[in-house]
Amino acid sequence: MAYFDVAHVRRPSHFERERIMAKQFFGGFFATLTFVVIVLAALFGIFTLVSYIAGPVGG
């Protein structure tokens, strides 16, 4: 009887699987996009600070 109980577990439909995969994809995409924006902002801030401290160079 134990096999019979396990064999009839409800499985997600095709539509539910597609929806879950889409949520995971867009969640990862936006997390990656946020990470890239934060890294670029940090690099921009660092280079701006260094150029300010260095003062005018040349000429």
Protein backbone atom coordinates (compact mmCIF):
# COMPACT_ATOMS: atom_id res chain seq x y z
CA MET A 1 0.00 0.00 0.00
CA ALA A 2 2.89 2.40 0.59
CA TYR A 3 3.80 2.44 -3.11
CA PHE A 4 0.21 3.24 -4.02
CA ASP A 5 0.23 6.25 -1.67
CA VAL A 6 3.49 7.62 -3.08
CA ALA A 7 2.54 7.02 -6.71
CA HIS A 8 -0.50 9.29 -6.53
CA VAL A 9 1.16 12.49 -5.33
CA ARG A 10 -0.21 15.56 -7.11
CA ARG A 11 2.21 16.87 -9.70
CA PRO A 12 2.21 20.46 -10.99
CA SER A 13 0.63 20.95 -14.39
CA HIS A 14 2.58 22.11 -17.41
CA PHE A 15 1.26 25.65 -16.96
CA GLU A 16 2.34 25.71 -13.30
CA ARG A 17 5.82 24.46 -14.22
CA GLU A 18 6.14 27.15 -16.89
CA ARG A 19 5.01 29.83 -14.45
CA ILE A 20 7.47 28.66 -11.78
CA MET A 21 10.32 28.58 -14.31
CA ALA A 22 9.45 32.08 -15.54
CA LYS A 23 9.40 33.43 -11.98
CA GLN A 24 12.79 31.85 -11.29
CA PHE A 25 14.24 33.20 -14.55
CA PHE A 26 13.05 36.77 -14.01
CA GLY A 27 14.01 36.66 -10.33
CA GLY A 28 17.56 35.67 -11.25
CA PHE A 29 17.65 38.18 -14.10
CA PHE A 30 16.64 41.09 -11.87
CA ALA A 31 19.02 39.97 -9.11
CA THR A 32 21.87 39.92 -11.65
CA LEU A 33 20.83 43.29 -13.06
CA THR A 34 20.73 44.79 -9.57
CA PHE A 35 24.18 43.38 -8.79
CA VAL A 36 25.63 44.85 -12.00
CA VAL A 37 24.11 48.27 -11.30
CA ILE A 38 25.49 48.31 -7.75
CA VAL A 39 28.97 47.28 -8.91
CA LEU A 40 28.99 49.92 -11.66
CA ALA A 41 27.82 52.61 -9.24
CA ALA A 42 30.54 51.62 -6.76
CA LEU A 43 33.23 51.70 -9.46
CA PHE A 44 31.99 55.07 -10.69
CA GLY A 45 32.11 56.42 -7.14
CA ILE A 46 35.59 55.09 -6.52
CA PHE A 47 37.01 56.50 -9.76
CA THR A 48 35.27 59.83 -9.17
CA LEU A 49 36.74 60.05 -5.67
CA VAL A 50 40.24 59.13 -6.86
CA SER A 51 40.12 61.67 -9.69
CA TYR A 52 38.92 64.34 -7.24
CA ILE A 53 41.75 63.56 -4.80
CA ALA A 54 44.36 63.48 -7.60
CA GLY A 55 43.32 66.92 -8.83
CA PRO A 56 43.98 68.17 -12.34
CA VAL A 57 46.56 66.05 -14.12
CA GLY A 58 48.70 67.33 -16.96
CA GLY A 59 48.63 70.73 -18.66
